[in-house]
Amino acid sequence: GGLGRSDDALALVVAKVFKGDARREVLEKLRLAGASSIEDMMALIEYPAPLEAQTYMPSSTWFRGRASLLNYRIDVNGARLFKSASLEAMHRFALLPVEAEQGYVPPEQ
C-alpha cells in the first residue's frame, strides 16, 4: 500500500541525516509526533509551534527563526528535541527522494 512506501521514503531521509542506532529512535519520535510520511514531517517542521511554546523552547531547536510544531509535539511527548541543524537537514533531504522517485524509470525486462 501507499503507507508502506511513504514509511520507506521517510526512513530513507532519516538514514541520510542520522547514523546507526539513532535512526530507529528518530523514526519513533517522528511517528509519535504524527509524521508517518515525508509530507507529514515537512509540514510539521514548517508549521510553527503554538505561541506560548515559542517563548520556552530553546532557539537551538528552532527551524528558520521559530519553534516548529514537530519539536513542540516531541516536547509534549517528553523526548529529546531535534536541533536546528537536524531539522534543516531532514527538510532538505525530504525534498530529494520525491524528485528522484518521479524521475525513476523501471528497467526494461
Protein backbone atom coordinates (compact mmCIF):
# COMPACT_ATOMS: atom_id res chain seq x y z
CA GLY A 1 0.00 0.00 0.00
CA GLY A 2 0.90 3.69 -0.21
CA LEU A 3 1.62 3.92 3.51
CA GLY A 4 4.48 1.44 3.34
CA ARG A 5 6.11 3.38 0.58
CA SER A 6 5.93 6.68 2.42
CA ASP A 7 7.33 4.94 5.52
CA ASP A 8 10.23 3.68 3.41
CA ALA A 9 10.83 7.14 1.97
CA LEU A 10 10.81 8.66 5.44
CA ALA A 11 13.26 6.00 6.66
CA LEU A 12 15.48 6.88 3.70
CA VAL A 13 15.55 10.57 4.69
CA VAL A 14 16.30 9.67 8.32
CA ALA A 15 19.10 7.33 7.18
CA LYS A 16 20.74 10.21 5.29
CA VAL A 17 20.71 12.52 8.30
CA PHE A 18 21.29 10.19 11.27
CA LYS A 19 23.69 7.32 11.90
CA GLY A 20 23.24 3.81 13.29
CA ASP A 21 21.06 3.31 16.34
CA ALA A 22 19.81 6.92 16.32
CA ARG A 23 17.75 6.16 13.21
CA ARG A 24 15.20 3.93 14.93
CA GLU A 25 14.81 6.42 17.79
CA VAL A 26 14.30 9.27 15.30
CA LEU A 27 11.66 7.35 13.31
CA GLU A 28 9.85 6.52 16.55
CA LYS A 29 9.94 10.19 17.61
CA LEU A 30 8.54 11.23 14.22
CA ARG A 31 5.81 8.59 14.44
CA LEU A 32 4.76 9.73 17.93
CA ALA A 33 4.63 13.32 16.68
CA GLY A 34 2.27 12.25 13.90
CA ALA A 35 4.72 12.13 10.99
CA SER A 36 4.30 8.84 9.13
CA SER A 37 5.30 10.24 5.74
CA ILE A 38 7.76 12.75 4.28
CA GLU A 39 4.87 15.15 3.63
CA ASP A 40 3.75 14.94 7.28
CA MET A 41 7.29 15.52 8.52
CA MET A 42 7.86 18.55 6.29
CA ALA A 43 4.53 20.10 7.30
CA LEU A 44 5.32 19.61 11.00
CA ILE A 45 8.80 21.12 10.58
CA GLU A 46 7.48 24.12 8.64
CA TYR A 47 4.43 24.80 10.81
CA PRO A 48 5.13 26.98 13.86
CA ALA A 49 4.56 25.74 17.40
CA PRO A 50 1.83 27.42 19.47
CA LEU A 51 2.72 30.94 20.58
CA GLU A 52 3.41 30.07 24.23
CA ALA A 53 5.91 27.39 23.13
CA GLN A 54 7.89 29.98 21.17
CA THR A 55 8.91 31.53 24.49
CA TYR A 56 10.25 28.46 26.28
CA MET A 57 11.63 26.23 23.50
CA PRO A 58 15.38 26.78 23.10
CA SER A 59 16.38 28.68 19.95
CA SER A 60 18.94 25.92 19.18
CA THR A 61 15.92 23.74 18.31
CA TRP A 62 14.10 26.27 16.12
CA PHE A 63 13.50 25.94 12.39
CA ARG A 64 14.26 29.14 10.47
CA GLY A 65 13.74 31.53 13.35
CA ARG A 66 10.88 29.92 15.26
CA ALA A 67 9.91 26.80 17.18
CA SER A 68 8.38 24.11 14.95
CA LEU A 69 5.24 22.12 15.57
CA LEU A 70 7.32 18.94 15.22
CA ASN A 71 9.58 19.82 18.16
CA TYR A 72 6.58 21.06 20.14
CA ARG A 73 4.88 17.66 19.80
CA ILE A 74 8.14 15.90 20.66
CA ASP A 75 8.48 18.13 23.73
CA VAL A 76 4.92 17.22 24.81
CA ASN A 77 5.90 13.53 24.48
CA GLY A 78 8.89 14.17 26.74
CA ALA A 79 11.51 13.14 24.15
CA ARG A 80 14.71 14.96 23.22
CA LEU A 81 14.16 17.77 20.71
CA PHE A 82 15.72 17.93 17.26
CA LYS A 83 18.42 20.59 16.89
CA SER A 84 18.01 23.25 14.20
CA ALA A 85 20.70 21.65 12.02
CA SER A 86 18.88 18.29 12.11
CA LEU A 87 15.57 19.93 11.16
CA GLU A 88 17.27 21.73 8.25
CA ALA A 89 18.95 18.52 7.07
CA MET A 90 15.75 16.45 7.30
CA HIS A 91 13.83 19.15 5.48
CA ARG A 92 16.49 19.42 2.75
CA PHE A 93 16.77 15.66 2.19
CA ALA A 94 12.98 15.30 2.26
CA LEU A 95 12.82 17.30 -0.97
CA LEU A 96 15.18 14.92 -2.78
CA PRO A 97 13.72 11.36 -2.75
CA VAL A 98 10.36 12.58 -4.03
CA GLU A 99 12.03 14.12 -7.08
CA ALA A 100 14.20 11.05 -7.53
CA GLU A 101 11.13 8.83 -7.40
CA GLN A 102 9.29 10.87 -10.03
CA GLY A 103 12.28 10.59 -12.34
CA TYR A 104 12.61 6.84 -11.85
CA VAL A 105 12.17 4.71 -14.94
CA PRO A 106 11.93 0.93 -14.31
CA PRO A 107 14.50 -1.09 -16.25
CA GLU A 108 13.08 -2.94 -19.24
CA GLN A 109 12.59 -6.66 -18.67
